[in-house]
Amino acid sequence: MEITDPRAIRAMAHPLRLELIELLGTVGPSTAAECARRLGSTQASCSYHLRLLAKYGFVEQAAPRGDGRERPWQLTDIEQSWSGHGPAAEQLERVFVQREADRIMAWQAAAGQQPEEWRDVGFVGGATLPLTAAEAVAVRDELTAVIEPYVARLTERTGWPEGYRFVRILLAGTPVGAETEENTDE
């Protein structure tokens, strides 16, 4: 789902709403109470934020469960991306990046207490590369293609490997500094 409406972008720019979107994407349809338990929030807060996400088309009511009293919510699309400039997009990017940075730092702090096989799974790295705009787009597209088969698991929800954990993969490419003059050797 490509989000361009500034009001929808603004609606998404809230840490709990991003958590709800991620939770529904990973565990599937869930009630506000289930979301609250998993996220350490309240049912009332999750219910409010789910309704707001529904207003902008991010989530919808799923089929009722059991006796019909439980009303789970589900994502309308497993992937969300936004484009645009202005205060709403800038706020969403700030909230998104801060959330990801907090998650990385929390993993780094707790990695030593993880089971042996998971201790070195987390990684942070980077490279500053001389790329054209077209090359940067190509790198982005190639990295996205690498994770695509694993993203597809979220919609299939079958055949997940034994011993899996959810692993957050953050892809980012950020131009550094201002444009530079071409390097000319004479």
N, C-alpha and C. Protein backbone atom coordinates (compact mmCIF):
# COMPACT_ATOMS: atom_id res chain seq x y z
N MET A 1 0.85 -1.17 0.00
CA MET A 1 0.00 0.00 0.00
C MET A 1 0.90 1.23 0.00
N GLU A 2 0.77 2.06 -1.00
CA GLU A 2 1.51 3.31 -1.10
C GLU A 2 0.65 4.42 -0.51
N ILE A 3 1.16 5.07 0.51
CA ILE A 3 0.40 6.09 1.23
C ILE A 3 0.91 7.47 0.80
N THR A 4 0.01 8.27 0.26
CA THR A 4 0.38 9.62 -0.18
C THR A 4 -0.44 10.71 0.50
N ASP A 5 -1.60 10.36 1.04
CA ASP A 5 -2.47 11.34 1.70
C ASP A 5 -1.81 11.79 3.01
N PRO A 6 -1.53 13.09 3.15
CA PRO A 6 -0.89 13.57 4.38
C PRO A 6 -1.66 13.21 5.65
N ARG A 7 -2.98 13.15 5.59
CA ARG A 7 -3.76 12.78 6.78
C ARG A 7 -3.52 11.33 7.16
N ALA A 8 -3.42 10.45 6.18
CA ALA A 8 -3.14 9.04 6.44
C ALA A 8 -1.71 8.87 6.95
N ILE A 9 -0.79 9.63 6.37
CA ILE A 9 0.60 9.58 6.84
C ILE A 9 0.67 10.04 8.29
N ARG A 10 -0.03 11.12 8.60
CA ARG A 10 -0.06 11.64 9.97
C ARG A 10 -0.67 10.61 10.92
N ALA A 11 -1.70 9.93 10.46
CA ALA A 11 -2.35 8.92 11.30
C ALA A 11 -1.40 7.77 11.62
N MET A 12 -0.53 7.46 10.70
CA MET A 12 0.41 6.36 10.90
C MET A 12 1.59 6.77 11.79
N ALA A 13 1.83 8.05 11.92
CA ALA A 13 3.01 8.58 12.63
C ALA A 13 2.83 8.54 14.15
N HIS A 14 2.57 7.38 14.68
CA HIS A 14 2.40 7.21 16.12
C HIS A 14 3.02 5.87 16.50
N PRO A 15 3.87 5.83 17.51
CA PRO A 15 4.55 4.58 17.84
C PRO A 15 3.62 3.39 18.06
N LEU A 16 2.51 3.57 18.77
CA LEU A 16 1.61 2.44 19.01
C LEU A 16 0.93 1.99 17.73
N ARG A 17 0.61 2.92 16.85
CA ARG A 17 -0.01 2.53 15.58
C ARG A 17 0.96 1.72 14.73
N LEU A 18 2.22 2.12 14.71
CA LEU A 18 3.23 1.34 13.99
C LEU A 18 3.38 -0.05 14.62
N GLU A 19 3.33 -0.10 15.95
CA GLU A 19 3.40 -1.40 16.65
C GLU A 19 2.21 -2.28 16.29
N LEU A 20 1.02 -1.69 16.24
CA LEU A 20 -0.18 -2.45 15.89
C LEU A 20 -0.10 -2.99 14.46
N ILE A 21 0.37 -2.16 13.54
CA ILE A 21 0.51 -2.60 12.15
C ILE A 21 1.49 -3.77 12.08
N GLU A 22 2.61 -3.62 12.76
CA GLU A 22 3.60 -4.71 12.74
C GLU A 22 3.05 -5.98 13.40
N LEU A 23 2.38 -5.82 14.52
CA LEU A 23 1.83 -6.98 15.22
C LEU A 23 0.82 -7.73 14.35
N LEU A 24 -0.11 -7.01 13.74
CA LEU A 24 -1.10 -7.67 12.88
C LEU A 24 -0.44 -8.32 11.67
N GLY A 25 0.66 -7.73 11.21
CA GLY A 25 1.38 -8.32 10.08
C GLY A 25 2.10 -9.60 10.45
N THR A 26 2.56 -9.69 11.69
CA THR A 26 3.31 -10.88 12.09
C THR A 26 2.44 -11.98 12.68
N VAL A 27 1.52 -11.62 13.56
CA VAL A 27 0.71 -12.67 14.21
C VAL A 27 -0.63 -12.89 13.55
N GLY A 28 -1.02 -11.98 12.67
CA GLY A 28 -2.30 -12.14 11.99
C GLY A 28 -3.43 -11.48 12.76
N PRO A 29 -4.67 -11.77 12.35
CA PRO A 29 -5.83 -11.12 12.97
C PRO A 29 -5.83 -11.25 14.49
N SER A 30 -6.09 -10.14 15.16
CA SER A 30 -6.07 -10.09 16.62
C SER A 30 -7.09 -9.08 17.11
N THR A 31 -7.62 -9.35 18.29
CA THR A 31 -8.55 -8.40 18.90
C THR A 31 -7.76 -7.29 19.58
N ALA A 32 -8.45 -6.23 19.95
CA ALA A 32 -7.80 -5.13 20.67
C ALA A 32 -7.23 -5.63 21.99
N ALA A 33 -7.93 -6.54 22.65
CA ALA A 33 -7.44 -7.10 23.92
C ALA A 33 -6.16 -7.91 23.71
N GLU A 34 -6.12 -8.71 22.65
CA GLU A 34 -4.92 -9.49 22.35
C GLU A 34 -3.75 -8.57 22.02
N CYS A 35 -4.02 -7.53 21.25
CA CYS A 35 -2.98 -6.56 20.92
C CYS A 35 -2.45 -5.91 22.18
N ALA A 36 -3.34 -5.52 23.07
CA ALA A 36 -2.94 -4.86 24.31
C ALA A 36 -2.04 -5.76 25.14
N ARG A 37 -2.39 -7.04 25.27
CA ARG A 37 -1.57 -7.97 26.04
C ARG A 37 -0.17 -8.11 25.42
N ARG A 38 -0.10 -8.24 24.12
CA ARG A 38 1.19 -8.44 23.46
C ARG A 38 2.05 -7.17 23.47
N LEU A 39 1.42 -6.02 23.44
CA LEU A 39 2.17 -4.76 23.34
C LEU A 39 2.34 -4.04 24.67
N GLY A 40 1.76 -4.60 25.74
CA GLY A 40 1.87 -3.95 27.04
C GLY A 40 1.11 -2.64 27.10
N SER A 41 -0.02 -2.60 26.43
CA SER A 41 -0.85 -1.40 26.40
C SER A 41 -2.20 -1.74 27.03
N THR A 42 -3.16 -0.85 26.83
CA THR A 42 -4.51 -1.13 27.34
C THR A 42 -5.42 -1.47 26.17
N GLN A 43 -6.48 -2.20 26.47
CA GLN A 43 -7.44 -2.55 25.43
C GLN A 43 -8.08 -1.29 24.85
N ALA A 44 -8.41 -0.34 25.71
CA ALA A 44 -9.04 0.90 25.25
C ALA A 44 -8.13 1.66 24.29
N SER A 45 -6.85 1.75 24.62
CA SER A 45 -5.91 2.46 23.76
C SER A 45 -5.75 1.74 22.43
N CYS A 46 -5.58 0.42 22.47
CA CYS A 46 -5.44 -0.34 21.22
C CYS A 46 -6.70 -0.23 20.38
N SER A 47 -7.85 -0.29 21.01
CA SER A 47 -9.11 -0.18 20.28
C SER A 47 -9.21 1.17 19.58
N TYR A 48 -8.88 2.22 20.29
CA TYR A 48 -8.90 3.58 19.71
C TYR A 48 -7.98 3.66 18.49
N HIS A 49 -6.75 3.21 18.66
CA HIS A 49 -5.77 3.33 17.58
C HIS A 49 -6.11 2.41 16.40
N LEU A 50 -6.68 1.25 16.67
CA LEU A 50 -7.11 0.37 15.58
C LEU A 50 -8.24 1.01 14.78
N ARG A 51 -9.17 1.65 15.47
CA ARG A 51 -10.26 2.34 14.76
C ARG A 51 -9.72 3.48 13.90
N LEU A 52 -8.73 4.19 14.42
CA LEU A 52 -8.13 5.27 13.64
C LEU A 52 -7.39 4.71 12.43
N LEU A 53 -6.67 3.61 12.61
CA LEU A 53 -6.01 2.98 11.46
C LEU A 53 -7.03 2.50 10.44
N ALA A 54 -8.17 2.03 10.91
CA ALA A 54 -9.23 1.58 9.99
C ALA A 54 -9.80 2.76 9.20
N LYS A 55 -9.91 3.91 9.85
CA LYS A 55 -10.43 5.10 9.18
C LYS A 55 -9.62 5.43 7.93
N TYR A 56 -8.32 5.16 7.97
CA TYR A 56 -7.44 5.48 6.84
C TYR A 56 -7.09 4.25 6.00
N GLY A 57 -7.76 3.14 6.24
CA GLY A 57 -7.63 1.97 5.39
C GLY A 57 -6.46 1.05 5.65
N PHE A 58 -5.79 1.20 6.79
CA PHE A 58 -4.66 0.33 7.11
C PHE A 58 -5.12 -1.02 7.65
N VAL A 59 -6.19 -1.02 8.42
CA VAL A 59 -6.73 -2.25 9.01
C VAL A 59 -8.22 -2.31 8.76
N GLU A 60 -8.77 -3.52 8.96
CA GLU A 60 -10.21 -3.71 8.84
C GLU A 60 -10.63 -4.81 9.80
N GLN A 61 -11.91 -4.89 10.05
CA GLN A 61 -12.42 -5.97 10.89
C GLN A 61 -12.24 -7.29 10.14
N ALA A 62 -11.76 -8.30 10.85
CA ALA A 62 -11.63 -9.64 10.29
C ALA A 62 -12.92 -10.40 10.61
N ALA A 63 -13.03 -11.59 10.09
CA ALA A 63 -14.20 -12.43 10.37
C ALA A 63 -14.28 -12.68 11.88
N PRO A 64 -15.48 -12.60 12.44
CA PRO A 64 -15.64 -12.86 13.88
C PRO A 64 -15.20 -14.28 14.24
N ARG A 65 -14.77 -14.45 15.48
CA ARG A 65 -14.33 -15.77 15.95
C ARG A 65 -15.31 -16.31 16.98
N GLY A 66 -15.26 -17.60 17.14
CA GLY A 66 -16.03 -18.25 18.20
C GLY A 66 -17.50 -17.93 18.14
N ASP A 67 -18.00 -17.35 19.21
CA ASP A 67 -19.44 -17.04 19.28
C ASP A 67 -19.79 -15.71 18.63
N GLY A 68 -18.82 -15.08 17.99
CA GLY A 68 -19.07 -13.84 17.26
C GLY A 68 -18.87 -12.59 18.09
N ARG A 69 -18.59 -12.76 19.39
CA ARG A 69 -18.38 -11.57 20.22
C ARG A 69 -16.97 -11.01 20.07
N GLU A 70 -16.01 -11.87 19.76
CA GLU A 70 -14.65 -11.39 19.55
C GLU A 70 -14.54 -10.81 18.15
N ARG A 71 -14.08 -9.58 18.06
CA ARG A 71 -13.97 -8.89 16.78
C ARG A 71 -12.50 -8.62 16.49
N PRO A 72 -11.84 -9.53 15.80
CA PRO A 72 -10.43 -9.30 15.48
C PRO A 72 -10.25 -8.29 14.35
N TRP A 73 -9.08 -7.71 14.30
CA TRP A 73 -8.67 -6.77 13.27
C TRP A 73 -7.60 -7.42 12.42
N GLN A 74 -7.51 -7.02 11.17
CA GLN A 74 -6.47 -7.52 10.28
C GLN A 74 -5.98 -6.39 9.39
N LEU A 75 -4.75 -6.56 8.88
CA LEU A 75 -4.21 -5.58 7.95
C LEU A 75 -4.95 -5.68 6.62
N THR A 76 -5.07 -4.57 5.94
CA THR A 76 -5.62 -4.59 4.58
C THR A 76 -4.53 -4.90 3.57
N ASP A 77 -3.27 -4.62 3.94
CA ASP A 77 -2.12 -4.90 3.07
C ASP A 77 -0.92 -5.16 3.97
N ILE A 78 -0.18 -6.18 3.66
CA ILE A 78 0.96 -6.57 4.51
C ILE A 78 2.10 -5.55 4.44
N GLU A 79 2.17 -4.77 3.38
CA GLU A 79 3.24 -3.79 3.23
C GLU A 79 2.66 -2.38 3.13
N GLN A 80 3.32 -1.46 3.82
CA GLN A 80 2.94 -0.05 3.73
C GLN A 80 4.20 0.73 3.41
N SER A 81 4.08 1.66 2.51
CA SER A 81 5.17 2.59 2.23
C SER A 81 4.54 3.96 2.04
N TRP A 82 5.31 4.97 2.26
CA TRP A 82 4.78 6.31 2.14
C TRP A 82 5.71 7.14 1.28
N SER A 83 5.13 8.13 0.68
CA SER A 83 5.92 9.07 -0.10
C SER A 83 5.35 10.45 0.13
N GLY A 84 6.11 11.40 -0.21
CA GLY A 84 5.66 12.77 -0.03
C GLY A 84 6.62 13.51 0.88
N HIS A 85 6.42 14.79 0.91
CA HIS A 85 7.25 15.66 1.73
C HIS A 85 6.31 16.48 2.58
N GLY A 86 6.86 17.19 3.50
CA GLY A 86 6.05 18.02 4.37
C GLY A 86 6.05 17.50 5.78
N PRO A 87 5.37 18.20 6.66
CA PRO A 87 5.41 17.87 8.08
C PRO A 87 4.93 16.45 8.42
N ALA A 88 3.88 15.99 7.76
CA ALA A 88 3.35 14.65 8.09
C ALA A 88 4.36 13.56 7.75
N ALA A 89 4.94 13.61 6.56
CA ALA A 89 5.93 12.61 6.16
C ALA A 89 7.19 12.70 7.02
N GLU A 90 7.61 13.91 7.34
CA GLU A 90 8.78 14.09 8.19
C GLU A 90 8.54 13.52 9.59
N GLN A 91 7.35 13.73 10.14
CA GLN A 91 7.03 13.19 11.46
C GLN A 91 7.00 11.67 11.43
N LEU A 92 6.39 11.08 10.41
CA LEU A 92 6.34 9.63 10.31
C LEU A 92 7.76 9.07 10.19
N GLU A 93 8.60 9.69 9.40
CA GLU A 93 9.97 9.21 9.26
C GLU A 93 10.73 9.31 10.58
N ARG A 94 10.53 10.39 11.33
CA ARG A 94 11.18 10.53 12.64
C ARG A 94 10.73 9.42 13.59
N VAL A 95 9.43 9.21 13.67
CA VAL A 95 8.90 8.18 14.57
C VAL A 95 9.40 6.80 14.14
N PHE A 96 9.37 6.53 12.84
CA PHE A 96 9.80 5.24 12.32
C PHE A 96 11.29 4.99 12.62
N VAL A 97 12.14 5.96 12.30
CA VAL A 97 13.57 5.80 12.51
C VAL A 97 13.89 5.68 14.00
N GLN A 98 13.25 6.49 14.84
CA GLN A 98 13.51 6.41 16.28
C GLN A 98 13.11 5.05 16.83
N ARG A 99 11.99 4.54 16.37
CA ARG A 99 11.51 3.22 16.80
C ARG A 99 12.52 2.14 16.40
N GLU A 100 13.03 2.23 15.18
CA GLU A 100 14.01 1.24 14.71
C GLU A 100 15.32 1.37 15.49
N ALA A 101 15.78 2.60 15.73
CA ALA A 101 17.01 2.80 16.49
C ALA A 101 16.87 2.26 17.91
N ASP A 102 15.74 2.51 18.54
CA ASP A 102 15.48 1.98 19.89
C ASP A 102 15.51 0.46 19.89
N ARG A 103 14.94 -0.14 18.87
CA ARG A 103 14.91 -1.61 18.77
C ARG A 103 16.33 -2.16 18.60
N ILE A 104 17.14 -1.53 17.77
CA ILE A 104 18.51 -1.98 17.56
C ILE A 104 19.30 -1.87 18.87
N MET A 105 19.17 -0.75 19.56
CA MET A 105 19.90 -0.56 20.81
C MET A 105 19.44 -1.56 21.87
N ALA A 106 18.16 -1.84 21.94
CA ALA A 106 17.64 -2.82 22.91
C ALA A 106 18.21 -4.20 22.62
N TRP A 107 18.29 -4.57 21.33
CA TRP A 107 18.86 -5.88 20.99
C TRP A 107 20.33 -5.93 21.40
N GLN A 108 21.08 -4.88 21.07
CA GLN A 108 22.50 -4.87 21.41
C GLN A 108 22.69 -5.04 22.92
N ALA A 109 21.84 -4.41 23.71
CA ALA A 109 21.95 -4.49 25.17
C ALA A 109 21.59 -5.87 25.70
N ALA A 110 20.68 -6.57 25.03
CA ALA A 110 20.19 -7.86 25.53
C ALA A 110 20.77 -9.07 24.81
N ALA A 111 21.59 -8.87 23.80
CA ALA A 111 22.07 -9.99 22.98
C ALA A 111 22.78 -11.05 23.81
N GLY A 112 23.54 -10.65 24.81
CA GLY A 112 24.27 -11.60 25.64
C GLY A 112 23.38 -12.55 26.43
N GLN A 113 22.14 -12.18 26.66
CA GLN A 113 21.22 -13.03 27.41
C GLN A 113 20.38 -13.92 26.50
N GLN A 114 20.59 -13.84 25.22
CA GLN A 114 19.81 -14.63 24.26
C GLN A 114 20.39 -16.05 24.17
N PRO A 115 19.57 -17.00 23.70
CA PRO A 115 20.11 -18.34 23.47
C PRO A 115 21.31 -18.26 22.52
N GLU A 116 22.26 -19.14 22.70
CA GLU A 116 23.52 -19.12 21.93
C GLU A 116 23.32 -18.93 20.43
N GLU A 117 22.39 -19.68 19.86
CA GLU A 117 22.21 -19.62 18.40
C GLU A 117 21.70 -18.27 17.92
N TRP A 118 21.14 -17.46 18.80
CA TRP A 118 20.60 -16.15 18.41
C TRP A 118 21.52 -14.99 18.75
N ARG A 119 22.56 -15.21 19.54
CA ARG A 119 23.39 -14.09 20.01
C ARG A 119 24.03 -13.28 18.90
N ASP A 120 24.49 -13.93 17.87
CA ASP A 120 25.20 -13.21 16.81
C ASP A 120 24.35 -12.99 15.57
N VAL A 121 23.04 -13.20 15.69
CA VAL A 121 22.15 -13.02 14.55
C VAL A 121 21.95 -11.54 14.24
N GLY A 122 21.82 -10.74 15.26
CA GLY A 122 21.63 -9.30 15.06
C GLY A 122 22.87 -8.69 14.43
N PHE A 123 22.67 -7.77 13.54
CA PHE A 123 23.80 -7.13 12.89
C PHE A 123 23.47 -5.69 12.58
N VAL A 124 24.49 -4.89 12.62
CA VAL A 124 24.40 -3.49 12.23
C VAL A 124 25.63 -3.22 11.39
N GLY A 125 25.43 -2.64 10.28
CA GLY A 125 26.56 -2.35 9.42
C GLY A 125 26.20 -1.24 8.46
N GLY A 126 27.17 -0.81 7.76
CA GLY A 126 26.91 0.23 6.78
C GLY A 126 28.11 0.43 5.89
N ALA A 127 27.87 1.08 4.82
CA ALA A 127 28.94 1.40 3.87
C ALA A 127 28.57 2.71 3.20
N THR A 128 29.54 3.56 3.05
CA THR A 128 29.34 4.81 2.31
C THR A 128 29.92 4.58 0.93
N LEU A 129 29.06 4.56 -0.08
CA LEU A 129 29.44 4.16 -1.43
C LEU A 129 29.24 5.29 -2.43
N PRO A 130 30.08 5.36 -3.45
CA PRO A 130 29.89 6.37 -4.50
C PRO A 130 28.87 5.86 -5.52
N LEU A 131 27.61 6.27 -5.38
CA LEU A 131 26.53 5.80 -6.24
C LEU A 131 25.84 6.96 -6.93
N THR A 132 25.34 6.72 -8.11
CA THR A 132 24.44 7.67 -8.75
C THR A 132 23.05 7.44 -8.17
N ALA A 133 22.13 8.34 -8.43
CA ALA A 133 20.76 8.16 -7.96
C ALA A 133 20.17 6.87 -8.52
N ALA A 134 20.42 6.59 -9.79
CA ALA A 134 19.90 5.37 -10.41
C ALA A 134 20.50 4.12 -9.76
N GLU A 135 21.78 4.16 -9.44
CA GLU A 135 22.41 3.02 -8.77
C GLU A 135 21.85 2.82 -7.37
N ALA A 136 21.61 3.91 -6.65
CA ALA A 136 21.03 3.80 -5.31
C ALA A 136 19.65 3.14 -5.37
N VAL A 137 18.86 3.52 -6.36
CA VAL A 137 17.54 2.89 -6.54
C VAL A 137 17.71 1.41 -6.86
N ALA A 138 18.69 1.07 -7.68
CA ALA A 138 18.94 -0.34 -8.03
C ALA A 138 19.34 -1.14 -6.80
N VAL A 139 20.19 -0.58 -5.94
CA VAL A 139 20.59 -1.26 -4.71
C VAL A 139 19.37 -1.49 -3.83
N ARG A 140 18.54 -0.46 -3.68
CA ARG A 140 17.32 -0.58 -2.88
C ARG A 140 16.44 -1.72 -3.41
N ASP A 141 16.23 -1.73 -4.72
CA ASP A 141 15.37 -2.75 -5.33
C ASP A 141 15.95 -4.15 -5.17
N GLU A 142 17.27 -4.29 -5.29
CA GLU A 142 17.92 -5.60 -5.14
C GLU A 142 17.83 -6.09 -3.70
N LEU A 143 18.04 -5.21 -2.72
CA LEU A 143 17.92 -5.61 -1.32
C LEU A 143 16.48 -6.01 -1.00
N THR A 144 15.54 -5.27 -1.53
CA THR A 144 14.13 -5.60 -1.32
C THR A 144 13.82 -6.97 -1.92
N ALA A 145 14.37 -7.27 -3.08
CA ALA A 145 14.14 -8.56 -3.72
C ALA A 145 14.71 -9.71 -2.89
N VAL A 146 15.81 -9.48 -2.19
CA VAL A 146 16.41 -10.53 -1.35
C VAL A 146 15.45 -10.96 -0.25
N ILE A 147 14.75 -10.03 0.36
CA ILE A 147 13.87 -10.40 1.48
C ILE A 147 12.45 -10.78 1.04
N GLU A 148 12.11 -10.56 -0.21
CA GLU A 148 10.75 -10.80 -0.70
C GLU A 148 10.22 -12.21 -0.40
N PRO A 149 11.00 -13.28 -0.59
CA PRO A 149 10.46 -14.62 -0.28
C PRO A 149 10.07 -14.77 1.19
N TYR A 150 10.76 -14.06 2.07
CA TYR A 150 10.46 -14.15 3.49
C TYR A 150 9.26 -13.28 3.85
N VAL A 151 9.12 -12.16 3.17
CA VAL A 151 7.94 -11.31 3.35
C VAL A 151 6.69 -12.09 2.93
N ALA A 152 6.80 -12.89 1.87
CA ALA A 152 5.66 -13.68 1.38
C ALA A 152 5.14 -14.64 2.45
N ARG A 153 6.00 -15.08 3.35
CA ARG A 153 5.55 -15.98 4.42
C ARG A 153 4.48 -15.33 5.30
N LEU A 154 4.53 -14.02 5.41
CA LEU A 154 3.55 -13.33 6.27
C LEU A 154 2.14 -13.43 5.72
N THR A 155 2.00 -13.54 4.41
CA THR A 155 0.66 -13.67 3.84
C THR A 155 0.25 -15.13 3.72
N GLU A 156 1.21 -16.03 3.55
CA GLU A 156 0.89 -17.46 3.40
C GLU A 156 0.58 -18.11 4.74
N ARG A 157 1.33 -17.75 5.76
CA ARG A 157 1.16 -18.26 7.13
C ARG A 157 1.19 -19.78 7.23
N THR A 158 1.84 -20.43 6.27
CA THR A 158 2.03 -21.88 6.35
C THR A 158 3.47 -22.17 5.99
N GLY A 159 3.97 -23.30 6.46
CA GLY A 159 5.32 -23.70 6.12
C GLY A 159 6.41 -22.88 6.79
N TRP A 160 6.08 -22.23 7.89
CA TRP A 160 7.12 -21.48 8.59
C TRP A 160 8.09 -22.51 9.20
N PRO A 161 9.39 -22.24 9.15
CA PRO A 161 10.36 -23.22 9.64
C PRO A 161 10.30 -23.38 11.16
N GLU A 162 10.65 -24.56 11.62
CA GLU A 162 10.71 -24.81 13.05
C GLU A 162 11.79 -23.93 13.67
N GLY A 163 11.53 -23.41 14.85
CA GLY A 163 12.52 -22.60 15.55
C GLY A 163 12.63 -21.16 15.06
N TYR A 164 11.65 -20.70 14.29
CA TYR A 164 11.73 -19.33 13.78
C TYR A 164 11.50 -18.32 14.90
N ARG A 165 12.01 -17.15 14.70
CA ARG A 165 11.70 -15.96 15.50
C ARG A 165 11.47 -14.86 14.48
N PHE A 166 10.71 -13.88 14.85
CA PHE A 166 10.57 -12.74 13.98
C PHE A 166 11.87 -11.93 14.07
N VAL A 167 12.40 -11.57 12.92
CA VAL A 167 13.63 -10.79 12.85
C VAL A 167 13.30 -9.54 12.04
N ARG A 168 13.57 -8.41 12.61
CA ARG A 168 13.29 -7.14 11.96
C ARG A 168 14.46 -6.81 11.04
N ILE A 169 14.19 -6.61 9.78
CA ILE A 169 15.20 -6.22 8.80
C ILE A 169 14.91 -4.77 8.42
N LEU A 170 15.87 -3.91 8.64
CA LEU A 170 15.73 -2.50 8.31
C LEU A 170 16.60 -2.21 7.11
N LEU A 171 16.00 -1.72 6.06
CA LEU A 171 16.74 -1.31 4.86
C LEU A 171 16.72 0.21 4.79
N ALA A 172 17.87 0.79 4.67
CA ALA A 172 17.93 2.25 4.58
C ALA A 172 19.10 2.64 3.68
N GLY A 173 18.87 3.62 2.93
CA GLY A 173 19.94 4.22 2.13
C GLY A 173 19.76 5.72 2.22
N THR A 174 20.78 6.40 2.67
CA THR A 174 20.66 7.83 2.89
C THR A 174 21.81 8.57 2.20
N PRO A 175 21.52 9.46 1.26
CA PRO A 175 22.60 10.25 0.67
C PRO A 175 23.33 11.05 1.76
N VAL A 176 24.63 11.13 1.65
CA VAL A 176 25.46 11.79 2.64
C VAL A 176 25.95 13.12 2.10
N GLY A 177 25.73 14.18 2.84
CA GLY A 177 26.25 15.48 2.46
C GLY A 177 25.64 16.02 1.17
N ALA A 178 26.26 17.07 0.68
CA ALA A 178 25.79 17.72 -0.55
C ALA A 178 26.40 17.03 -1.76
N GLU A 179 25.88 17.38 -2.92
CA GLU A 179 26.45 16.85 -4.16
C GLU A 179 27.92 17.24 -4.24
N THR A 180 28.70 16.36 -4.83
CA THR A 180 30.13 16.66 -4.97
C THR A 180 30.47 16.81 -6.44
N GLU A 181 31.53 17.58 -6.69
CA GLU A 181 31.97 17.73 -8.06
C GLU A 181 32.59 16.41 -8.52
N GLU A 182 32.46 16.13 -9.78
CA GLU A 182 33.08 14.92 -10.30
C GLU A 182 34.57 14.97 -10.06
N ASN A 183 35.11 13.85 -9.71
CA ASN A 183 36.54 13.74 -9.47
C ASN A 183 37.26 13.74 -10.81
N THR A 184 38.06 14.72 -11.05
CA THR A 184 38.77 14.79 -12.33
C THR A 184 40.27 14.70 -12.08
N ASP A 185 40.86 13.74 -12.68
CA ASP A 185 42.32 13.59 -12.61
C ASP A 185 42.92 14.05 -13.92
N GLU A 186 43.92 14.95 -13.87
CA GLU A 186 44.56 15.44 -15.10
C GLU A 186 46.00 15.10 -15.09
